[in-house]
Protein backbone atom coordinates (compact mmCIF):
# COMPACT_ATOMS: atom_id res chain seq x y z
CA MET A 1 0.00 0.00 0.00
CA ARG A 2 1.37 3.42 -0.95
CA PRO A 3 1.86 6.09 1.74
CA ILE A 4 -0.93 8.26 0.31
CA GLN A 5 -3.30 5.30 0.39
CA ARG A 6 -2.40 4.63 4.03
CA VAL A 7 -3.01 8.26 4.95
CA LEU A 8 -6.36 8.29 3.14
CA LEU A 9 -7.46 5.05 4.78
CA ALA A 10 -6.38 6.29 8.21
CA SER A 11 -8.23 9.56 7.63
CA LEU A 12 -11.40 7.77 6.59
CA LEU A 13 -11.25 5.50 9.63
CA ALA A 14 -10.69 8.47 11.94
CA LEU A 15 -13.59 10.34 10.33
CA PHE A 16 -15.85 7.31 10.76
CA CYS A 17 -14.95 7.12 14.46
CA LEU A 18 -15.74 10.82 14.91
CA LEU A 19 -19.10 10.54 13.17
CA LEU A 20 -20.55 7.85 15.41
CA LEU A 21 -24.18 8.50 16.11
CA PRO A 22 -24.95 10.18 19.45
CA GLY A 23 -25.41 7.62 22.17
CA GLN A 24 -23.10 5.12 20.52
CA THR A 25 -19.67 4.43 21.88
CA ALA A 26 -16.37 3.96 20.09
CA GLN A 27 -15.03 0.53 20.96
CA ALA A 28 -11.36 -0.05 21.60
CA GLU A 29 -9.83 -1.95 18.70
CA PRO A 30 -7.17 -4.64 19.05
CA GLY A 31 -3.88 -2.82 19.51
CA ASP A 32 -5.48 0.23 21.14
CA VAL A 33 -3.95 1.37 24.42
CA VAL A 34 -6.32 2.56 27.14
CA LEU A 35 -4.38 5.00 29.30
CA LYS A 36 -5.09 4.68 33.00
CA ARG A 37 -5.92 7.84 34.90
CA TYR A 38 -3.99 8.87 37.99
CA SER A 39 -5.97 11.87 39.26
CA PRO A 40 -8.85 11.24 41.69
CA SER A 41 -10.29 14.65 40.75
CA LEU A 42 -11.26 13.35 37.28
CA GLY A 43 -14.34 11.58 38.61
CA ASP A 44 -16.46 10.10 35.82
CA PHE A 45 -14.25 11.43 33.00
CA PRO A 46 -13.38 8.50 30.69
CA PRO A 47 -9.77 7.38 30.24
CA ALA A 48 -7.97 8.19 26.99
CA THR A 49 -7.82 5.51 24.31
CA PHE A 50 -4.75 5.69 22.11
CA PRO A 51 -5.34 4.14 18.66
CA HIS A 52 -1.91 2.56 18.27
CA TRP A 53 -2.91 0.75 15.08
CA ILE A 54 -3.77 3.93 13.16
CA HIS A 55 -0.47 5.54 14.18
CA GLN A 56 1.41 2.43 13.02
CA MET A 57 -0.11 2.89 9.57
CA GLN A 58 1.52 6.31 9.26
CA TYR A 59 4.74 6.05 11.27
CA LYS A 60 7.44 3.56 12.10
CA CYS A 61 8.19 2.69 15.74
CA PRO A 62 11.28 4.98 16.15
CA ALA A 63 9.11 8.05 15.44
CA CYS A 64 7.78 7.73 19.01
CA HIS A 65 9.78 5.01 20.75
CA ASP A 66 11.95 5.56 22.82
CA ALA A 67 12.19 9.32 22.30
CA LEU A 68 8.60 10.15 23.39
CA PHE A 69 7.31 6.93 24.93
CA LYS A 70 9.05 4.01 26.56
CA MET A 71 8.51 0.78 24.67
CA ARG A 72 6.71 -0.94 27.55
CA ALA A 73 2.99 -0.13 27.93
CA GLY A 74 2.21 1.72 31.14
CA SER A 75 5.80 2.79 31.82
CA SER A 76 5.28 6.44 30.78
CA ARG A 77 3.17 8.49 33.21
CA ILE A 78 1.33 10.86 30.90
CA SER A 79 -0.64 13.86 32.13
CA MET A 80 -2.66 16.50 30.30
CA ASN A 81 -0.27 19.13 31.67
CA ASP A 82 2.59 17.31 29.93
CA ILE A 83 0.63 16.97 26.69
CA LEU A 84 -0.35 20.66 26.71
CA ALA A 85 3.35 21.49 27.31
CA GLY A 86 4.28 19.64 24.08
CA LYS A 87 5.45 16.40 25.66
CA PHE A 88 4.27 12.87 24.82
CA CYS A 89 1.18 13.13 22.55
CA GLY A 90 1.52 16.91 22.53
CA LYS A 91 4.72 16.65 20.48
CA CYS A 92 2.57 16.06 17.37
CA HIS A 93 -0.94 16.91 18.58
CA ASN A 94 -0.23 20.63 18.60
CA GLY A 95 -2.46 21.82 15.75
CA ASN A 96 0.40 21.76 13.23
CA VAL A 97 1.30 18.10 12.75
CA ALA A 98 -2.04 16.70 13.98
CA PHE A 99 -5.17 18.02 15.66
CA ALA A 100 -4.40 20.02 18.78
CA SER A 101 -4.94 18.49 22.21
CA THR A 102 -7.20 21.09 23.76
CA PHE A 103 -10.16 21.12 26.07
CA THR A 104 -12.42 21.40 23.00
CA THR A 105 -11.08 18.16 21.49
CA CYS A 106 -11.33 16.02 24.65
CA ASN A 107 -13.74 13.47 23.14
CA ARG A 108 -11.28 12.54 20.39
CA CYS A 109 -9.23 10.64 22.97
CA HIS A 110 -11.42 10.48 26.07
CA ARG A 111 -14.42 8.53 24.83
CA ARG A 112 -16.86 6.15 26.38
């Protein structure tokens, strides 16, 4: 598959996930990483689901590992403060490379 085809397929899949009907939930896919929450103040806010599979379609492992994330799941403690400061997911999700991680885009990662 050519790179442009992978990007188009990934974009279509992401668009489909965003257009789920109200009341439906996006299910974690095999290979997704559900990030555990560490703050008791979050209450009923859902944990973030990282779609590892869609990122693998666009990037090779060294793009993120070990520079941004340790290779072992759960070994990087990620917080929204870090992301908003341009660390971890925020390195790319800054509005330039990929959609910005802001409080108006919460449901793109934190979904039920």
